[in-house]
N, C-alpha and C. Protein backbone atom coordinates (compact mmCIF):
# COMPACT_ATOMS: atom_id res chain seq x y z
N UNK A 1 89.63 86.28 99.15
CA UNK A 1 88.64 86.06 98.13
C UNK A 1 88.81 84.64 97.60
N UNK A 2 87.75 83.90 97.53
CA UNK A 2 87.80 82.49 97.13
C UNK A 2 88.33 82.34 95.71
N UNK A 3 89.21 81.39 95.53
CA UNK A 3 89.75 81.08 94.22
C UNK A 3 90.85 82.00 93.73
N UNK A 4 91.23 82.98 94.54
CA UNK A 4 92.28 83.91 94.14
C UNK A 4 93.61 83.37 94.64
N UNK A 5 94.59 83.35 93.75
CA UNK A 5 95.91 82.82 94.10
C UNK A 5 96.69 83.83 94.94
N UNK A 6 97.70 83.33 95.64
CA UNK A 6 98.63 84.27 96.28
C UNK A 6 99.38 85.04 95.19
N UNK A 7 99.96 86.15 95.56
CA UNK A 7 100.76 86.93 94.62
C UNK A 7 101.98 86.09 94.23
N UNK A 8 102.31 86.12 92.95
CA UNK A 8 103.50 85.42 92.47
C UNK A 8 104.20 86.28 91.43
N UNK A 9 105.43 85.94 91.13
CA UNK A 9 106.19 86.65 90.10
C UNK A 9 105.52 86.42 88.74
N UNK A 10 105.58 87.46 87.91
CA UNK A 10 105.02 87.35 86.57
C UNK A 10 105.82 86.38 85.71
N UNK A 11 105.14 85.80 84.75
CA UNK A 11 105.74 84.84 83.82
C UNK A 11 105.48 85.31 82.39
N UNK A 12 106.27 84.80 81.49
CA UNK A 12 106.14 85.19 80.08
C UNK A 12 104.71 85.01 79.59
N UNK A 13 104.06 83.92 79.95
CA UNK A 13 102.70 83.67 79.50
C UNK A 13 101.67 84.65 80.06
N UNK A 14 102.04 85.40 81.09
CA UNK A 14 101.13 86.38 81.70
C UNK A 14 101.09 87.70 80.93
N UNK A 15 102.11 87.97 80.12
CA UNK A 15 102.27 89.30 79.53
C UNK A 15 101.07 89.75 78.71
N UNK A 16 100.49 88.95 77.83
CA UNK A 16 99.33 89.45 77.08
C UNK A 16 98.18 89.91 77.98
N UNK A 17 97.87 89.16 79.03
CA UNK A 17 96.78 89.57 79.93
C UNK A 17 97.17 90.81 80.74
N UNK A 18 98.44 90.90 81.15
CA UNK A 18 98.92 92.09 81.85
C UNK A 18 98.74 93.32 80.95
N UNK A 19 99.13 93.18 79.70
CA UNK A 19 98.98 94.29 78.75
C UNK A 19 97.52 94.68 78.62
N UNK A 20 96.64 93.69 78.55
CA UNK A 20 95.21 93.98 78.45
C UNK A 20 94.70 94.77 79.64
N UNK A 21 95.09 94.35 80.84
CA UNK A 21 94.65 95.05 82.06
C UNK A 21 95.17 96.48 82.09
N UNK A 22 96.47 96.62 81.89
CA UNK A 22 97.11 97.95 81.96
C UNK A 22 96.55 98.86 80.88
N UNK A 23 96.47 98.37 79.67
CA UNK A 23 96.05 99.23 78.56
C UNK A 23 94.56 99.54 78.56
N UNK A 24 93.77 98.72 79.24
CA UNK A 24 92.36 99.05 79.44
C UNK A 24 92.24 100.33 80.28
N UNK A 25 93.03 100.41 81.34
CA UNK A 25 93.02 101.62 82.18
C UNK A 25 93.70 102.79 81.46
N UNK A 26 94.73 102.50 80.67
CA UNK A 26 95.40 103.56 79.91
C UNK A 26 94.42 104.20 78.92
N UNK A 27 93.56 103.39 78.30
CA UNK A 27 92.57 103.91 77.36
C UNK A 27 91.59 104.87 78.03
N UNK A 28 91.46 104.75 79.34
CA UNK A 28 90.59 105.64 80.12
C UNK A 28 91.40 106.80 80.72
N UNK A 29 92.67 106.92 80.33
CA UNK A 29 93.60 107.94 80.82
C UNK A 29 93.82 107.83 82.33
N UNK A 30 93.76 106.59 82.86
CA UNK A 30 93.97 106.36 84.28
C UNK A 30 95.37 105.87 84.60
N UNK A 31 96.13 105.50 83.58
CA UNK A 31 97.52 105.12 83.74
C UNK A 31 98.19 105.18 82.38
N UNK A 32 99.50 105.02 82.37
CA UNK A 32 100.23 105.05 81.11
C UNK A 32 100.17 103.69 80.43
N UNK A 33 100.07 103.68 79.11
CA UNK A 33 100.05 102.40 78.39
C UNK A 33 101.41 101.72 78.45
N UNK A 34 101.39 100.41 78.25
CA UNK A 34 102.62 99.63 78.17
C UNK A 34 102.54 98.73 76.94
N UNK A 35 103.61 98.73 76.17
CA UNK A 35 103.67 97.83 75.00
C UNK A 35 104.07 96.44 75.47
N UNK A 36 103.82 95.45 74.63
CA UNK A 36 104.27 94.10 74.94
C UNK A 36 105.79 94.10 75.14
N UNK A 37 106.50 94.85 74.30
CA UNK A 37 107.95 94.92 74.42
C UNK A 37 108.36 95.44 75.80
N UNK A 38 107.73 96.52 76.27
CA UNK A 38 108.05 97.06 77.60
C UNK A 38 107.79 96.04 78.69
N UNK A 39 106.68 95.33 78.57
CA UNK A 39 106.33 94.34 79.59
C UNK A 39 107.29 93.16 79.60
N UNK A 40 107.65 92.66 78.42
CA UNK A 40 108.61 91.55 78.38
C UNK A 40 109.96 91.99 78.93
N UNK A 41 110.41 93.19 78.57
CA UNK A 41 111.71 93.66 79.03
C UNK A 41 111.76 93.90 80.53
N UNK A 42 110.62 94.20 81.13
CA UNK A 42 110.58 94.50 82.56
C UNK A 42 109.84 93.43 83.36
N UNK A 43 109.66 92.26 82.79
CA UNK A 43 108.86 91.21 83.42
C UNK A 43 109.34 90.86 84.82
N UNK A 44 110.64 90.91 85.05
CA UNK A 44 111.15 90.56 86.38
C UNK A 44 110.70 91.54 87.46
N UNK A 45 110.23 92.71 87.07
CA UNK A 45 109.71 93.69 88.05
C UNK A 45 108.29 93.34 88.49
N UNK A 46 107.58 92.52 87.74
CA UNK A 46 106.14 92.32 87.92
C UNK A 46 105.78 91.14 88.82
N UNK A 47 104.68 91.35 89.52
CA UNK A 47 103.99 90.28 90.23
C UNK A 47 102.55 90.26 89.71
N UNK A 48 101.90 89.12 89.87
CA UNK A 48 100.52 88.97 89.41
C UNK A 48 99.70 88.21 90.45
N UNK A 49 98.40 88.36 90.33
CA UNK A 49 97.43 87.57 91.08
C UNK A 49 96.50 86.97 90.03
N UNK A 50 96.15 85.70 90.23
CA UNK A 50 95.24 85.07 89.28
C UNK A 50 94.04 84.46 89.99
N UNK A 51 92.99 84.28 89.23
CA UNK A 51 91.80 83.57 89.68
C UNK A 51 91.45 82.60 88.58
N UNK A 52 91.34 81.34 88.96
CA UNK A 52 91.03 80.29 87.99
C UNK A 52 91.95 80.37 86.77
N UNK A 53 93.25 80.52 87.04
CA UNK A 53 94.32 80.54 86.04
C UNK A 53 94.27 81.74 85.11
N UNK A 54 93.51 82.77 85.46
CA UNK A 54 93.43 84.00 84.67
C UNK A 54 94.02 85.14 85.50
N UNK A 55 94.98 85.88 84.94
CA UNK A 55 95.57 87.02 85.64
C UNK A 55 94.49 88.08 85.84
N UNK A 56 94.27 88.45 87.11
CA UNK A 56 93.26 89.47 87.43
C UNK A 56 93.89 90.73 88.01
N UNK A 57 95.20 90.71 88.23
CA UNK A 57 95.88 91.89 88.75
C UNK A 57 97.37 91.78 88.54
N UNK A 58 98.01 92.95 88.41
CA UNK A 58 99.46 92.97 88.26
C UNK A 58 100.00 94.29 88.79
N UNK A 59 101.27 94.30 89.03
CA UNK A 59 101.96 95.51 89.46
C UNK A 59 103.45 95.25 89.43
N UNK A 60 104.23 96.33 89.38
CA UNK A 60 105.68 96.19 89.28
C UNK A 60 106.37 97.05 90.32
N UNK A 61 107.53 96.57 90.74
CA UNK A 61 108.45 97.35 91.57
C UNK A 61 109.69 97.59 90.72
N UNK A 62 109.92 98.85 90.38
CA UNK A 62 111.05 99.20 89.54
C UNK A 62 112.06 99.99 90.36
N UNK A 63 113.25 99.43 90.53
CA UNK A 63 114.29 100.11 91.29
C UNK A 63 114.86 101.24 90.44
N UNK A 64 114.80 102.46 90.99
CA UNK A 64 115.29 103.64 90.28
C UNK A 64 116.76 103.92 90.60
N UNK A 65 117.12 103.70 91.85
CA UNK A 65 118.48 103.97 92.32
C UNK A 65 118.63 103.27 93.66
N UNK A 66 119.76 103.44 94.32
CA UNK A 66 120.01 102.71 95.57
C UNK A 66 119.04 103.05 96.68
N UNK A 67 118.40 104.21 96.60
CA UNK A 67 117.53 104.66 97.68
C UNK A 67 116.07 104.82 97.28
N UNK A 68 115.71 104.37 96.08
CA UNK A 68 114.37 104.69 95.58
C UNK A 68 113.86 103.63 94.59
N UNK A 69 112.62 103.20 94.80
CA UNK A 69 111.95 102.29 93.86
C UNK A 69 110.54 102.81 93.63
N UNK A 70 110.00 102.45 92.49
CA UNK A 70 108.65 102.90 92.12
C UNK A 70 107.71 101.72 91.96
N UNK A 71 106.51 101.86 92.50
CA UNK A 71 105.43 100.93 92.19
C UNK A 71 104.78 101.48 90.94
N UNK A 72 104.72 100.65 89.91
CA UNK A 72 104.16 101.11 88.64
C UNK A 72 103.27 100.03 88.02
N UNK A 73 102.45 100.48 87.11
CA UNK A 73 101.58 99.58 86.34
C UNK A 73 100.71 98.69 87.22
N UNK A 74 100.20 99.26 88.31
CA UNK A 74 99.30 98.52 89.20
C UNK A 74 97.91 98.53 88.58
N UNK A 75 97.42 97.35 88.24
CA UNK A 75 96.12 97.23 87.58
C UNK A 75 95.40 95.99 88.08
N UNK A 76 94.12 96.14 88.35
CA UNK A 76 93.27 95.03 88.81
C UNK A 76 92.04 95.00 87.92
N UNK A 77 91.67 93.83 87.44
CA UNK A 77 90.48 93.69 86.60
C UNK A 77 89.27 94.25 87.34
N UNK A 78 88.44 94.98 86.63
CA UNK A 78 87.32 95.70 87.25
C UNK A 78 86.44 94.86 88.16
N UNK A 79 86.10 93.62 87.83
CA UNK A 79 85.24 92.87 88.76
C UNK A 79 85.90 92.60 90.12
N UNK A 80 87.22 92.78 90.21
CA UNK A 80 87.94 92.44 91.44
C UNK A 80 88.45 93.66 92.20
N UNK A 81 88.18 94.86 91.69
CA UNK A 81 88.60 96.06 92.42
C UNK A 81 87.78 96.16 93.71
N UNK A 82 88.43 96.66 94.74
CA UNK A 82 87.76 96.79 96.03
C UNK A 82 87.71 95.51 96.83
N UNK A 83 88.38 94.46 96.36
CA UNK A 83 88.36 93.17 97.05
C UNK A 83 89.71 92.79 97.65
N UNK A 84 90.64 93.73 97.73
CA UNK A 84 91.93 93.48 98.36
C UNK A 84 93.02 92.99 97.42
N UNK A 85 92.72 92.84 96.14
CA UNK A 85 93.73 92.35 95.19
C UNK A 85 94.85 93.38 95.04
N UNK A 86 94.51 94.63 94.84
CA UNK A 86 95.53 95.68 94.72
C UNK A 86 96.36 95.81 95.97
N UNK A 87 95.71 95.73 97.12
CA UNK A 87 96.41 95.79 98.40
C UNK A 87 97.40 94.62 98.53
N UNK A 88 96.98 93.45 98.11
CA UNK A 88 97.82 92.25 98.15
C UNK A 88 99.06 92.45 97.26
N UNK A 89 98.86 93.01 96.08
CA UNK A 89 99.97 93.24 95.16
C UNK A 89 100.94 94.26 95.75
N UNK A 90 100.43 95.38 96.25
CA UNK A 90 101.31 96.40 96.83
C UNK A 90 102.06 95.85 98.03
N UNK A 91 101.40 95.07 98.86
CA UNK A 91 102.07 94.48 100.02
C UNK A 91 103.26 93.63 99.58
N UNK A 92 103.07 92.84 98.53
CA UNK A 92 104.17 92.01 98.01
C UNK A 92 105.29 92.87 97.46
N UNK A 93 104.95 93.93 96.74
CA UNK A 93 105.98 94.81 96.18
C UNK A 93 106.74 95.54 97.29
N UNK A 94 106.05 95.94 98.35
CA UNK A 94 106.73 96.58 99.47
C UNK A 94 107.64 95.59 100.20
N UNK A 95 107.20 94.34 100.31
CA UNK A 95 108.04 93.31 100.93
C UNK A 95 109.31 93.10 100.10
N UNK A 96 109.17 93.13 98.77
CA UNK A 96 110.34 93.02 97.89
C UNK A 96 111.28 94.19 98.09
N UNK A 97 110.72 95.40 98.19
CA UNK A 97 111.56 96.57 98.41
C UNK A 97 112.35 96.44 99.71
N UNK A 98 111.69 95.95 100.76
CA UNK A 98 112.37 95.72 102.03
C UNK A 98 113.49 94.70 101.87
N UNK A 99 113.18 93.61 101.18
CA UNK A 99 114.16 92.54 100.98
C UNK A 99 115.37 93.05 100.19
N UNK A 100 115.14 93.93 99.24
CA UNK A 100 116.22 94.49 98.43
C UNK A 100 117.00 95.57 99.18
N UNK A 101 116.44 96.07 100.27
CA UNK A 101 117.09 97.12 101.04
C UNK A 101 116.84 98.51 100.50
N UNK A 102 115.78 98.68 99.73
CA UNK A 102 115.43 99.99 99.20
C UNK A 102 114.67 100.76 100.28
N UNK A 103 115.17 101.91 100.71
CA UNK A 103 114.55 102.61 101.83
C UNK A 103 113.27 103.38 101.51
N UNK A 104 113.04 103.72 100.24
CA UNK A 104 111.89 104.55 99.90
C UNK A 104 111.21 104.03 98.64
N UNK A 105 109.88 103.97 98.69
CA UNK A 105 109.08 103.54 97.55
C UNK A 105 108.09 104.65 97.23
N UNK A 106 107.88 104.90 95.94
CA UNK A 106 106.91 105.91 95.55
C UNK A 106 106.02 105.38 94.44
N UNK A 107 104.94 106.10 94.20
CA UNK A 107 104.05 105.83 93.08
C UNK A 107 103.56 107.17 92.55
N UNK A 108 103.39 107.25 91.25
CA UNK A 108 102.68 108.36 90.64
C UNK A 108 101.31 107.81 90.29
N UNK A 109 100.26 108.44 90.82
CA UNK A 109 98.95 107.80 90.76
C UNK A 109 97.80 108.80 90.69
N UNK A 110 96.67 108.29 90.27
CA UNK A 110 95.39 109.00 90.40
C UNK A 110 94.59 108.41 91.57
N UNK A 111 95.08 107.32 92.14
CA UNK A 111 94.38 106.60 93.22
C UNK A 111 94.97 107.01 94.58
N UNK A 112 94.87 108.28 94.90
CA UNK A 112 95.49 108.83 96.11
C UNK A 112 94.96 108.17 97.37
N UNK A 113 93.66 108.02 97.49
CA UNK A 113 93.07 107.43 98.71
C UNK A 113 93.54 105.99 98.91
N UNK A 114 93.65 105.23 97.85
CA UNK A 114 94.13 103.84 97.95
C UNK A 114 95.53 103.82 98.56
N UNK A 115 96.43 104.62 98.02
CA UNK A 115 97.80 104.62 98.54
C UNK A 115 97.87 105.22 99.95
N UNK A 116 97.03 106.19 100.26
CA UNK A 116 97.00 106.73 101.62
C UNK A 116 96.61 105.65 102.62
N UNK A 117 95.64 104.84 102.28
CA UNK A 117 95.22 103.75 103.19
C UNK A 117 96.36 102.76 103.45
N UNK A 118 97.33 102.70 102.54
CA UNK A 118 98.47 101.80 102.70
C UNK A 118 99.66 102.48 103.37
N UNK A 119 99.48 103.72 103.80
CA UNK A 119 100.53 104.42 104.54
C UNK A 119 101.35 105.40 103.73
N UNK A 120 101.10 105.51 102.44
CA UNK A 120 101.83 106.47 101.61
C UNK A 120 101.32 107.88 101.92
N UNK A 121 102.17 108.87 101.69
CA UNK A 121 101.73 110.26 101.82
C UNK A 121 102.15 111.04 100.58
N UNK A 122 101.41 112.09 100.33
CA UNK A 122 101.60 112.89 99.13
C UNK A 122 102.84 113.77 99.27
N UNK A 123 103.61 113.86 98.17
CA UNK A 123 104.79 114.73 98.11
C UNK A 123 104.81 115.43 96.76
N UNK A 124 105.66 116.43 96.67
CA UNK A 124 105.87 117.12 95.41
C UNK A 124 106.70 116.24 94.48
N UNK A 125 106.35 116.20 93.21
CA UNK A 125 107.11 115.41 92.24
C UNK A 125 108.56 115.88 92.14
N UNK A 126 108.80 117.13 92.48
CA UNK A 126 110.15 117.68 92.38
C UNK A 126 111.15 116.99 93.31
N UNK A 127 110.68 116.26 94.33
CA UNK A 127 111.63 115.55 95.19
C UNK A 127 112.05 114.21 94.58
N UNK A 128 111.57 113.93 93.38
CA UNK A 128 111.88 112.68 92.68
C UNK A 128 112.67 112.96 91.40
N UNK A 129 113.81 113.61 91.48
CA UNK A 129 114.52 114.00 90.25
C UNK A 129 114.94 112.82 89.39
N UNK A 130 115.29 111.68 89.99
CA UNK A 130 115.69 110.53 89.17
C UNK A 130 114.53 110.06 88.30
N UNK A 131 113.34 110.04 88.86
CA UNK A 131 112.16 109.64 88.09
C UNK A 131 111.94 110.61 86.95
N UNK A 132 111.99 111.89 87.26
CA UNK A 132 111.69 112.90 86.26
C UNK A 132 112.69 112.84 85.11
N UNK A 133 113.97 112.69 85.42
CA UNK A 133 114.98 112.72 84.36
C UNK A 133 115.14 111.38 83.65
N UNK A 134 114.67 110.30 84.25
CA UNK A 134 114.82 108.99 83.61
C UNK A 134 113.58 108.64 82.80
N UNK A 135 112.41 108.75 83.37
CA UNK A 135 111.18 108.29 82.72
C UNK A 135 110.29 109.43 82.22
N UNK A 136 110.13 110.44 83.01
CA UNK A 136 109.11 111.45 82.72
C UNK A 136 109.39 112.24 81.45
N UNK A 137 110.64 112.42 81.09
CA UNK A 137 110.96 113.18 79.88
C UNK A 137 110.36 112.55 78.63
N UNK A 138 110.18 111.23 78.64
CA UNK A 138 109.62 110.52 77.49
C UNK A 138 108.10 110.36 77.56
N UNK A 139 107.50 110.82 78.63
CA UNK A 139 106.06 110.66 78.82
C UNK A 139 105.29 111.70 78.02
N UNK A 140 104.19 111.32 77.39
CA UNK A 140 103.39 112.29 76.64
C UNK A 140 102.78 113.38 77.53
N UNK A 141 102.69 113.14 78.83
CA UNK A 141 102.11 114.14 79.74
C UNK A 141 103.14 115.15 80.23
N UNK A 142 104.43 114.90 79.99
CA UNK A 142 105.47 115.81 80.47
C UNK A 142 105.43 117.10 79.68
N UNK A 143 105.53 118.25 80.28
CA UNK A 143 105.77 118.55 81.69
C UNK A 143 104.48 118.82 82.48
N UNK A 144 103.35 118.45 81.92
CA UNK A 144 102.06 118.76 82.57
C UNK A 144 101.43 117.52 83.21
N UNK A 145 102.21 116.79 83.94
CA UNK A 145 101.72 115.58 84.60
C UNK A 145 100.66 115.93 85.64
N UNK A 146 99.55 115.20 85.59
CA UNK A 146 98.49 115.46 86.56
C UNK A 146 98.37 114.33 87.59
N UNK A 147 99.34 113.43 87.62
CA UNK A 147 99.35 112.38 88.63
C UNK A 147 99.88 112.94 89.95
N UNK A 148 99.53 112.25 91.03
CA UNK A 148 99.99 112.65 92.36
C UNK A 148 101.13 111.75 92.78
N UNK A 149 102.19 112.35 93.29
CA UNK A 149 103.33 111.57 93.80
C UNK A 149 103.02 111.18 95.24
N UNK A 150 103.16 109.89 95.52
CA UNK A 150 102.93 109.33 96.85
C UNK A 150 104.20 108.57 97.25
N UNK A 151 104.58 108.66 98.52
CA UNK A 151 105.85 108.07 98.95
C UNK A 151 105.67 107.35 100.28
N UNK A 152 106.50 106.34 100.51
CA UNK A 152 106.47 105.57 101.75
C UNK A 152 107.88 105.11 102.08
N UNK A 153 108.27 105.26 103.33
CA UNK A 153 109.54 104.73 103.81
C UNK A 153 109.34 103.25 104.13
N UNK A 154 110.23 102.41 103.63
CA UNK A 154 110.09 100.98 103.92
C UNK A 154 110.36 100.67 105.38
N UNK A 155 110.96 101.58 106.12
CA UNK A 155 111.11 101.36 107.56
C UNK A 155 109.73 101.32 108.23
N UNK A 156 108.78 102.06 107.67
CA UNK A 156 107.40 102.01 108.17
C UNK A 156 106.79 100.65 107.88
N UNK A 157 107.13 100.08 106.74
CA UNK A 157 106.59 98.77 106.37
C UNK A 157 107.13 97.72 107.33
N UNK A 158 108.43 97.76 107.59
CA UNK A 158 109.03 96.78 108.51
C UNK A 158 108.49 96.97 109.91
N UNK A 159 108.34 98.22 110.35
CA UNK A 159 107.89 98.50 111.70
C UNK A 159 106.41 98.27 111.90
N UNK A 160 105.63 98.38 110.83
CA UNK A 160 104.17 98.25 110.94
C UNK A 160 103.66 97.21 109.95
N UNK A 161 104.44 96.17 109.74
CA UNK A 161 104.12 95.18 108.69
C UNK A 161 102.68 94.68 108.80
N UNK A 162 102.21 94.49 109.98
CA UNK A 162 100.85 93.98 110.15
C UNK A 162 99.79 94.95 109.63
N UNK A 163 100.10 96.23 109.56
CA UNK A 163 99.14 97.21 109.07
C UNK A 163 99.11 97.32 107.56
N UNK A 164 100.20 96.95 106.90
CA UNK A 164 100.28 97.10 105.46
C UNK A 164 99.90 95.82 104.76
N UNK A 165 100.36 94.71 105.26
CA UNK A 165 100.16 93.45 104.56
C UNK A 165 98.91 92.73 104.96
């Protein structure tokens, strides 16, 4: 897409726009809200895409344990959805997971078809006990989470890199 930057690591100055993107979708009950404090504390997990110096998409890779990382807070400004921005962000996060040596990446999402197109498959949330006991207990939706758990082995990313990125 013309004028869209490559994916880069998030910066302190990006946080207000990231919060706006994420919380716009949270207001529609499409993702969980994030406070400025949460975003600043986890900024190193985030990547962003910009157009004309404006952040139009963001997402984070959060390492849960030695064998598991989560893609979280994936948000793309509405005028840019369906244009490959989200795919670009996920590809970068999966590349990071590979670089870190994390064998499995998951997402809790309402965007099942999007993640399926990227090679993820649906699993039961019960196979993610670290996620449930670390983050989900504090979630307002717990224990009635209606998101779908999607998972991908990073060996698939390395073996089929051309299909994901």
